[in-house]
Amino acid sequence: MAALLVAGYGAARATGVRPLGGVVLLAGLAVAAHDWQRKGPVVLAGLTAAYLAAFGLSHPLAKKIGAWPSVLTVTAADAALTWAVADRD
């Protein structure tokens, strides 16, 4: 589901409509949250916070390393965390 961070940015970039990127991000979060809730409320809350933090951190990071590298970096970090917490088994 972390790949939807990339999809959200891609949608906003391709269309020039930033809110569309937000819709993609929120849709991805909704799908992921449905899956994560099966792991319990702590996992759901933690991974939701991590997903939103990745989105938020991508903005200041983009000023330092560029937009696409930033999005790919936070997506990789979020994907690794999600795998370790919810998908490994």
PDB file of N, CA and C in Angstrom:
ATOM      1  N   MET A   1       0.811  -1.195   0.000  1.00  0.00           N
ATOM      2  CA  MET A   1       0.000   0.000   0.000  1.00  0.00           C
ATOM      3  C   MET A   1       0.856   1.262   0.000  1.00  0.00           C
ATOM      4  N   ALA A   2       2.076   1.134   0.477  1.00  0.00           N
ATOM      5  CA  ALA A   2       2.957   2.298   0.496  1.00  0.00           C
ATOM      6  C   ALA A   2       3.168   2.848  -0.905  1.00  0.00           C
ATOM      7  N   ALA A   3       3.068   1.998  -1.913  1.00  0.00           N
ATOM      8  CA  ALA A   3       3.246   2.456  -3.295  1.00  0.00           C
ATOM      9  C   ALA A   3       2.219   3.515  -3.671  1.00  0.00           C
ATOM     10  N   LEU A   4       1.139   3.602  -2.929  1.00  0.00           N
ATOM     11  CA  LEU A   4       0.149   4.633  -3.224  1.00  0.00           C
ATOM     12  C   LEU A   4       0.657   6.022  -2.857  1.00  0.00           C
ATOM     13  N   LEU A   5       1.716   6.098  -2.056  1.00  0.00           N
ATOM     14  CA  LEU A   5       2.372   7.395  -1.864  1.00  0.00           C
ATOM     15  C   LEU A   5       2.947   7.864  -3.197  1.00  0.00           C
ATOM     16  N   VAL A   6       3.548   6.943  -3.927  1.00  0.00           N
ATOM     17  CA  VAL A   6       4.081   7.259  -5.256  1.00  0.00           C
ATOM     18  C   VAL A   6       2.933   7.592  -6.211  1.00  0.00           C
ATOM     19  N   ALA A   7       1.887   6.795  -6.158  1.00  0.00           N
ATOM     20  CA  ALA A   7       0.747   7.021  -7.049  1.00  0.00           C
ATOM     21  C   ALA A   7       0.091   8.372  -6.774  1.00  0.00           C
ATOM     22  N   GLY A   8      -0.023   8.730  -5.512  1.00  0.00           N
ATOM     23  CA  GLY A   8      -0.615  10.020  -5.163  1.00  0.00           C
ATOM     24  C   GLY A   8       0.201  11.179  -5.694  1.00  0.00           C
ATOM     25  N   TYR A   9       1.506  11.104  -5.499  1.00  0.00           N
ATOM     26  CA  TYR A   9       2.363  12.162  -6.024  1.00  0.00           C
ATOM     27  C   TYR A   9       2.309  12.177  -7.550  1.00  0.00           C
ATOM     28  N   GLY A  10       2.350  11.007  -8.154  1.00  0.00           N
ATOM     29  CA  GLY A  10       2.300  10.920  -9.614  1.00  0.00           C
ATOM     30  C   GLY A  10       1.016  11.514 -10.179  1.00  0.00           C
ATOM     31  N   ALA A  11      -0.101  11.239  -9.519  1.00  0.00           N
ATOM     32  CA  ALA A  11      -1.385  11.779  -9.975  1.00  0.00           C
ATOM     33  C   ALA A  11      -1.399  13.300  -9.872  1.00  0.00           C
ATOM     34  N   ALA A  12      -0.892  13.811  -8.757  1.00  0.00           N
ATOM     35  CA  ALA A  12      -0.859  15.272  -8.583  1.00  0.00           C
ATOM     36  C   ALA A  12       0.084  15.915  -9.591  1.00  0.00           C
ATOM     37  N   ARG A  13       1.212  15.293  -9.804  1.00  0.00           N
ATOM     38  CA  ARG A  13       2.204  15.848 -10.727  1.00  0.00           C
ATOM     39  C   ARG A  13       1.705  15.798 -12.176  1.00  0.00           C
ATOM     40  N   ALA A  14       1.128  14.679 -12.564  1.00  0.00           N
ATOM     41  CA  ALA A  14       0.693  14.502 -13.952  1.00  0.00           C
ATOM     42  C   ALA A  14      -0.479  15.407 -14.318  1.00  0.00           C
ATOM     43  N   THR A  15      -1.374  15.627 -13.351  1.00  0.00           N
ATOM     44  CA  THR A  15      -2.568  16.418 -13.650  1.00  0.00           C
ATOM     45  C   THR A  15      -2.433  17.878 -13.252  1.00  0.00           C
ATOM     46  N   GLY A  16      -1.485  18.173 -12.364  1.00  0.00           N
ATOM     47  CA  GLY A  16      -1.377  19.527 -11.835  1.00  0.00           C
ATOM     48  C   GLY A  16      -2.442  19.834 -10.792  1.00  0.00           C
ATOM     49  N   VAL A  17      -3.176  18.825 -10.378  1.00  0.00           N
ATOM     50  CA  VAL A  17      -4.254  18.991  -9.401  1.00  0.00           C
ATOM     51  C   VAL A  17      -3.814  18.323  -8.098  1.00  0.00           C
ATOM     52  N   ARG A  18      -3.268  19.124  -7.191  1.00  0.00           N
ATOM     53  CA  ARG A  18      -2.757  18.565  -5.941  1.00  0.00           C
ATOM     54  C   ARG A  18      -3.819  17.839  -5.124  1.00  0.00           C
ATOM     55  N   PRO A  19      -5.060  18.355  -5.061  1.00  0.00           N
ATOM     56  CA  PRO A  19      -6.066  17.617  -4.300  1.00  0.00           C
ATOM     57  C   PRO A  19      -6.316  16.194  -4.839  1.00  0.00           C
ATOM     58  N   LEU A  20      -6.128  15.996  -6.139  1.00  0.00           N
ATOM     59  CA  LEU A  20      -6.282  14.653  -6.686  1.00  0.00           C
ATOM     60  C   LEU A  20      -5.251  13.710  -6.072  1.00  0.00           C
ATOM     61  N   GLY A  21      -4.031  14.191  -5.886  1.00  0.00           N
ATOM     62  CA  GLY A  21      -3.014  13.389  -5.211  1.00  0.00           C
ATOM     63  C   GLY A  21      -3.443  13.027  -3.805  1.00  0.00           C
ATOM     64  N   GLY A  22      -4.066  13.966  -3.116  1.00  0.00           N
ATOM     65  CA  GLY A  22      -4.578  13.703  -1.773  1.00  0.00           C
ATOM     66  C   GLY A  22      -5.670  12.659  -1.762  1.00  0.00           C
ATOM     67  N   VAL A  23      -6.520  12.693  -2.769  1.00  0.00           N
ATOM     68  CA  VAL A  23      -7.581  11.680  -2.871  1.00  0.00           C
ATOM     69  C   VAL A  23      -6.968  10.297  -3.051  1.00  0.00           C
ATOM     70  N   VAL A  24      -5.956  10.205  -3.906  1.00  0.00           N
ATOM     71  CA  VAL A  24      -5.281   8.922  -4.118  1.00  0.00           C
ATOM     72  C   VAL A  24      -4.628   8.454  -2.821  1.00  0.00           C
ATOM     73  N   LEU A  25      -3.960   9.364  -2.122  1.00  0.00           N
ATOM     74  CA  LEU A  25      -3.334   9.011  -0.849  1.00  0.00           C
ATOM     75  C   LEU A  25      -4.358   8.510   0.166  1.00  0.00           C
ATOM     76  N   LEU A  26      -5.463   9.204   0.283  1.00  0.00           N
ATOM     77  CA  LEU A  26      -6.489   8.799   1.247  1.00  0.00           C
ATOM     78  C   LEU A  26      -7.160   7.494   0.846  1.00  0.00           C
ATOM     79  N   ALA A  27      -7.352   7.282  -0.451  1.00  0.00           N
ATOM     80  CA  ALA A  27      -7.918   6.009  -0.900  1.00  0.00           C
ATOM     81  C   ALA A  27      -6.961   4.867  -0.552  1.00  0.00           C
ATOM     82  N   GLY A  28      -5.680   5.100  -0.769  1.00  0.00           N
ATOM     83  CA  GLY A  28      -4.691   4.092  -0.413  1.00  0.00           C
ATOM     84  C   GLY A  28      -4.690   3.813   1.078  1.00  0.00           C
ATOM     85  N   LEU A  29      -4.794   4.860   1.871  1.00  0.00           N
ATOM     86  CA  LEU A  29      -4.834   4.690   3.318  1.00  0.00           C
ATOM     87  C   LEU A  29      -6.075   3.904   3.736  1.00  0.00           C
ATOM     88  N   ALA A  30      -7.203   4.174   3.123  1.00  0.00           N
ATOM     89  CA  ALA A  30      -8.435   3.453   3.467  1.00  0.00           C
ATOM     90  C   ALA A  30      -8.303   1.961   3.167  1.00  0.00           C
ATOM     91  N   VAL A  31      -7.745   1.634   2.021  1.00  0.00           N
ATOM     92  CA  VAL A  31      -7.560   0.230   1.658  1.00  0.00           C
ATOM     93  C   VAL A  31      -6.578  -0.438   2.621  1.00  0.00           C
ATOM     94  N   ALA A  32      -5.471   0.239   2.889  1.00  0.00           N
ATOM     95  CA  ALA A  32      -4.466  -0.309   3.795  1.00  0.00           C
ATOM     96  C   ALA A  32      -5.028  -0.459   5.208  1.00  0.00           C
ATOM     97  N   ALA A  33      -5.753   0.538   5.674  1.00  0.00           N
ATOM     98  CA  ALA A  33      -6.309   0.485   7.028  1.00  0.00           C
ATOM     99  C   ALA A  33      -7.271  -0.686   7.186  1.00  0.00           C
ATOM    100  N   HIS A  34      -8.004  -0.986   6.155  1.00  0.00           N
ATOM    101  CA  HIS A  34      -8.899  -2.140   6.196  1.00  0.00           C
ATOM    102  C   HIS A  34      -8.098  -3.422   6.439  1.00  0.00           C
ATOM    103  N   ASP A  35      -6.959  -3.507   5.805  1.00  0.00           N
ATOM    104  CA  ASP A  35      -6.085  -4.673   5.983  1.00  0.00           C
ATOM    105  C   ASP A  35      -5.404  -4.647   7.357  1.00  0.00           C
ATOM    106  N   TRP A  36      -4.905  -3.492   7.759  1.00  0.00           N
ATOM    107  CA  TRP A  36      -4.173  -3.378   9.018  1.00  0.00           C
ATOM    108  C   TRP A  36      -5.046  -3.595  10.240  1.00  0.00           C
ATOM    109  N   GLN A  37      -6.322  -3.265  10.153  1.00  0.00           N
ATOM    110  CA  GLN A  37      -7.186  -3.398  11.326  1.00  0.00           C
ATOM    111  C   GLN A  37      -7.283  -4.846  11.788  1.00  0.00           C
ATOM    112  N   ARG A  38      -7.029  -5.773  10.888  1.00  0.00           N
ATOM    113  CA  ARG A  38      -7.040  -7.193  11.258  1.00  0.00           C
ATOM    114  C   ARG A  38      -5.896  -7.538  12.201  1.00  0.00           C
ATOM    115  N   LYS A  39      -4.856  -6.710  12.206  1.00  0.00           N
ATOM    116  CA  LYS A  39      -3.695  -6.933  13.077  1.00  0.00           C
ATOM    117  C   LYS A  39      -3.890  -6.301  14.454  1.00  0.00           C
ATOM    118  N   GLY A  40      -4.961  -5.560  14.631  1.00  0.00           N
ATOM    119  CA  GLY A  40      -5.261  -4.951  15.923  1.00  0.00           C
ATOM    120  C   GLY A  40      -5.163  -3.439  15.884  1.00  0.00           C
ATOM    121  N   PRO A  41      -5.732  -2.800  16.910  1.00  0.00           N
ATOM    122  CA  PRO A  41      -5.795  -1.336  16.924  1.00  0.00           C
ATOM    123  C   PRO A  41      -4.430  -0.663  17.058  1.00  0.00           C
ATOM    124  N   VAL A  42      -3.491  -1.286  17.725  1.00  0.00           N
ATOM    125  CA  VAL A  42      -2.170  -0.673  17.885  1.00  0.00           C
ATOM    126  C   VAL A  42      -1.445  -0.652  16.542  1.00  0.00           C
ATOM    127  N   VAL A  43      -1.509  -1.755  15.820  1.00  0.00           N
ATOM    128  CA  VAL A  43      -0.882  -1.814  14.490  1.00  0.00           C
ATOM    129  C   VAL A  43      -1.573  -0.836  13.553  1.00  0.00           C
ATOM    130  N   LEU A  44      -2.892  -0.811  13.583  1.00  0.00           N
ATOM    131  CA  LEU A  44      -3.651   0.119  12.732  1.00  0.00           C
ATOM    132  C   LEU A  44      -3.241   1.563  13.019  1.00  0.00           C
ATOM    133  N   ALA A  45      -3.217   1.945  14.270  1.00  0.00           N
ATOM    134  CA  ALA A  45      -2.863   3.326  14.621  1.00  0.00           C
ATOM    135  C   ALA A  45      -1.414   3.638  14.256  1.00  0.00           C
ATOM    136  N   GLY A  46      -0.519   2.721  14.538  1.00  0.00           N
ATOM    137  CA  GLY A  46       0.895   2.953  14.259  1.00  0.00           C
ATOM    138  C   GLY A  46       1.199   3.072  12.783  1.00  0.00           C
ATOM    139  N   LEU A  47       0.655   2.159  11.983  1.00  0.00           N
ATOM    140  CA  LEU A  47       0.922   2.198  10.551  1.00  0.00           C
ATOM    141  C   LEU A  47       0.210   3.367   9.871  1.00  0.00           C
ATOM    142  N   THR A  48      -0.955   3.725  10.373  1.00  0.00           N
ATOM    143  CA  THR A  48      -1.635   4.916   9.847  1.00  0.00           C
ATOM    144  C   THR A  48      -0.797   6.158  10.129  1.00  0.00           C
ATOM    145  N   ALA A  49      -0.291   6.263  11.349  1.00  0.00           N
ATOM    146  CA  ALA A  49       0.559   7.404  11.704  1.00  0.00           C
ATOM    147  C   ALA A  49       1.822   7.423  10.845  1.00  0.00           C
ATOM    148  N   ALA A  50       2.408   6.264  10.612  1.00  0.00           N
ATOM    149  CA  ALA A  50       3.627   6.190   9.796  1.00  0.00           C
ATOM    150  C   ALA A  50       3.348   6.605   8.355  1.00  0.00           C
ATOM    151  N   TYR A  51       2.223   6.175   7.796  1.00  0.00           N
ATOM    152  CA  TYR A  51       1.838   6.523   6.424  1.00  0.00           C
ATOM    153  C   TYR A  51       1.666   8.038   6.296  1.00  0.00           C
ATOM    154  N   LEU A  52       0.951   8.622   7.244  1.00  0.00           N
ATOM    155  CA  LEU A  52       0.731  10.069   7.215  1.00  0.00           C
ATOM    156  C   LEU A  52       2.032  10.836   7.469  1.00  0.00           C
ATOM    157  N   ALA A  53       2.876  10.300   8.351  1.00  0.00           N
ATOM    158  CA  ALA A  53       4.167  10.935   8.605  1.00  0.00           C
ATOM    159  C   ALA A  53       5.043  10.894   7.359  1.00  0.00           C
ATOM    160  N   ALA A  54       5.015   9.777   6.646  1.00  0.00           N
ATOM    161  CA  ALA A  54       5.804   9.671   5.410  1.00  0.00           C
ATOM    162  C   ALA A  54       5.365  10.746   4.422  1.00  0.00           C
ATOM    163  N   PHE A  55       4.059  10.918   4.277  1.00  0.00           N
ATOM    164  CA  PHE A  55       3.543  11.958   3.400  1.00  0.00           C
ATOM    165  C   PHE A  55       4.034  13.329   3.856  1.00  0.00           C
ATOM    166  N   GLY A  56       3.904  13.597   5.144  1.00  0.00           N
ATOM    167  CA  GLY A  56       4.321  14.895   5.669  1.00  0.00           C
ATOM    168  C   GLY A  56       5.820  15.134   5.549  1.00  0.00           C
ATOM    169  N   LEU A  57       6.608  14.126   5.813  1.00  0.00           N
ATOM    170  CA  LEU A  57       8.061  14.270   5.752  1.00  0.00           C
ATOM    171  C   LEU A  57       8.584  14.397   4.327  1.00  0.00           C
ATOM    172  N   SER A  58       7.813  13.913   3.368  1.00  0.00           N
ATOM    173  CA  SER A  58       8.274  13.995   1.986  1.00  0.00           C
ATOM    174  C   SER A  58       8.409  15.443   1.516  1.00  0.00           C
ATOM    175  N   HIS A  59       7.622  16.330   2.083  1.00  0.00           N
ATOM    176  CA  HIS A  59       7.650  17.728   1.651  1.00  0.00           C
ATOM    177  C   HIS A  59       8.953  18.445   2.024  1.00  0.00           C
ATOM    178  N   PRO A  60       9.353  18.449   3.295  1.00  0.00           N
ATOM    179  CA  PRO A  60      10.633  19.109   3.592  1.00  0.00           C
ATOM    180  C   PRO A  60      11.827  18.359   2.999  1.00  0.00           C
ATOM    181  N   LEU A  61      11.725  17.045   2.911  1.00  0.00           N
ATOM    182  CA  LEU A  61      12.805  16.272   2.308  1.00  0.00           C
ATOM    183  C   LEU A  61      12.960  16.619   0.829  1.00  0.00           C
ATOM    184  N   ALA A  62      11.850  16.901   0.156  1.00  0.00           N
ATOM    185  CA  ALA A  62      11.893  17.258  -1.267  1.00  0.00           C
ATOM    186  C   ALA A  62      12.700  18.531  -1.501  1.00  0.00           C
ATOM    187  N   LYS A  63      12.690  19.423  -0.543  1.00  0.00           N
ATOM    188  CA  LYS A  63      13.473  20.654  -0.687  1.00  0.00           C
ATOM    189  C   LYS A  63      14.968  20.378  -0.638  1.00  0.00           C
ATOM    190  N   LYS A  64      15.341  19.268  -0.040  1.00  0.00           N
ATOM    191  CA  LYS A  64      16.755  18.925   0.092  1.00  0.00           C
ATOM    192  C   LYS A  64      17.249  18.004  -1.023  1.00  0.00           C
ATOM    193  N   ILE A  65      16.410  17.038  -1.444  1.00  0.00           N
ATOM    194  CA  ILE A  65      16.900  16.040  -2.404  1.00  0.00           C
ATOM    195  C   ILE A  65      16.082  15.980  -3.694  1.00  0.00           C
ATOM    196  N   GLY A  66      15.007  16.737  -3.777  1.00  0.00           N
ATOM    197  CA  GLY A  66      14.153  16.714  -4.959  1.00  0.00           C
ATOM    198  C   GLY A  66      12.870  15.944  -4.690  1.00  0.00           C
ATOM    199  N   ALA A  67      11.863  16.222  -5.494  1.00  0.00           N
ATOM    200  CA  ALA A  67      10.534  15.657  -5.248  1.00  0.00           C
ATOM    201  C   ALA A  67      10.489  14.142  -5.411  1.00  0.00           C
ATOM    202  N   TRP A  68      10.865  13.646  -6.584  1.00  0.00           N
ATOM    203  CA  TRP A  68      10.779  12.199  -6.805  1.00  0.00           C
ATOM    204  C   TRP A  68      11.680  11.415  -5.861  1.00  0.00           C
ATOM    205  N   PRO A  69      12.942  11.822  -5.659  1.00  0.00           N
ATOM    206  CA  PRO A  69      13.762  11.076  -4.698  1.00  0.00           C
ATOM    207  C   PRO A  69      13.151  11.068  -3.289  1.00  0.00           C
ATOM    208  N   SER A  70      12.541  12.174  -2.911  1.00  0.00           N
ATOM    209  CA  SER A  70      11.897  12.248  -1.608  1.00  0.00           C
ATOM    210  C   SER A  70      10.734  11.272  -1.509  1.00  0.00           C
ATOM    211  N   VAL A  71       9.875  11.287  -2.498  1.00  0.00           N
ATOM    212  CA  VAL A  71       8.712  10.391  -2.494  1.00  0.00           C
ATOM    213  C   VAL A  71       9.167   8.930  -2.475  1.00  0.00           C
ATOM    214  N   LEU A  72      10.164   8.615  -3.265  1.00  0.00           N
ATOM    215  CA  LEU A  72      10.652   7.234  -3.304  1.00  0.00           C
ATOM    216  C   LEU A  72      11.303   6.833  -1.979  1.00  0.00           C
ATOM    217  N   THR A  73      12.003   7.752  -1.344  1.00  0.00           N
ATOM    218  CA  THR A  73      12.650   7.465  -0.063  1.00  0.00           C
ATOM    219  C   THR A  73      11.630   7.188   1.028  1.00  0.00           C
ATOM    220  N   VAL A  74      10.639   8.072   1.163  1.00  0.00           N
ATOM    221  CA  VAL A  74       9.648   7.858   2.229  1.00  0.00           C
ATOM    222  C   VAL A  74       8.775   6.648   1.926  1.00  0.00           C
ATOM    223  N   THR A  75       8.542   6.364   0.646  1.00  0.00           N
ATOM    224  CA  THR A  75       7.770   5.182   0.287  1.00  0.00           C
ATOM    225  C   THR A  75       8.530   3.916   0.673  1.00  0.00           C
ATOM    226  N   ALA A  76       9.822   3.887   0.392  1.00  0.00           N
ATOM    227  CA  ALA A  76      10.630   2.719   0.756  1.00  0.00           C
ATOM    228  C   ALA A  76      10.642   2.512   2.265  1.00  0.00           C
ATOM    229  N   ALA A  77      10.795   3.591   3.023  1.00  0.00           N
ATOM    230  CA  ALA A  77      10.806   3.490   4.479  1.00  0.00           C
ATOM    231  C   ALA A  77       9.461   2.998   5.006  1.00  0.00           C
ATOM    232  N   ASP A  78       8.380   3.546   4.466  1.00  0.00           N
ATOM    233  CA  ASP A  78       7.044   3.137   4.908  1.00  0.00           C
ATOM    234  C   ASP A  78       6.765   1.689   4.518  1.00  0.00           C
ATOM    235  N   ALA A  79       7.175   1.297   3.341  1.00  0.00           N
ATOM    236  CA  ALA A  79       6.967  -0.084   2.901  1.00  0.00           C
ATOM    237  C   ALA A  79       7.738  -1.058   3.781  1.00  0.00           C
ATOM    238  N   ALA A  80       8.967  -0.712   4.129  1.00  0.00           N
ATOM    239  CA  ALA A  80       9.770  -1.585   4.996  1.00  0.00           C
ATOM    240  C   ALA A  80       9.127  -1.732   6.368  1.00  0.00           C
ATOM    241  N   LEU A  81       8.663  -0.626   6.920  1.00  0.00           N
ATOM    242  CA  LEU A  81       7.998  -0.677   8.221  1.00  0.00           C
ATOM    243  C   LEU A  81       6.726  -1.514   8.147  1.00  0.00           C
ATOM    244  N   THR A  82       5.925  -1.284   7.131  1.00  0.00           N
ATOM    245  CA  THR A  82       4.683  -2.031   6.978  1.00  0.00           C
ATOM    246  C   THR A  82       4.958  -3.523   6.840  1.00  0.00           C
ATOM    247  N   TRP A  83       5.956  -3.870   6.060  1.00  0.00           N
ATOM    248  CA  TRP A  83       6.302  -5.281   5.900  1.00  0.00           C
ATOM    249  C   TRP A  83       6.717  -5.887   7.243  1.00  0.00           C
ATOM    250  N   ALA A  84       7.565  -5.169   7.969  1.00  0.00           N
ATOM    251  CA  ALA A  84       8.077  -5.690   9.234  1.00  0.00           C
ATOM    252  C   ALA A  84       6.968  -5.862  10.281  1.00  0.00           C
ATOM    253  N   VAL A  85       6.019  -4.946  10.276  1.00  0.00           N
ATOM    254  CA  VAL A  85       4.974  -4.967  11.308  1.00  0.00           C
ATOM    255  C   VAL A  85       3.776  -5.816  10.923  1.00  0.00           C
ATOM    256  N   ALA A  86       3.357  -5.754   9.676  1.00  0.00           N
ATOM    257  CA  ALA A  86       2.076  -6.366   9.319  1.00  0.00           C
ATOM    258  C   ALA A  86       2.118  -7.434   8.239  1.00  0.00           C
ATOM    259  N   ASP A  87       3.150  -7.450   7.428  1.00  0.00           N
ATOM    260  CA  ASP A  87       3.118  -8.338   6.263  1.00  0.00           C
ATOM    261  C   ASP A  87       4.110  -9.498   6.326  1.00  0.00           C
ATOM    262  N   ARG A  88       4.987  -9.495   7.284  1.00  0.00           N
ATOM    263  CA  ARG A  88       6.066 -10.476   7.315  1.00  0.00           C
ATOM    264  C   ARG A  88       5.580 -11.904   7.486  1.00  0.00           C
ATOM    265  N   ASP A  89       4.532 -12.115   8.214  1.00  0.00           N
ATOM    266  CA  ASP A  89       4.085 -13.481   8.483  1.00  0.00           C
ATOM    267  C   ASP A  89       3.254 -14.091   7.424  1.00  0.00           C
TER     268      ASP A  89
END
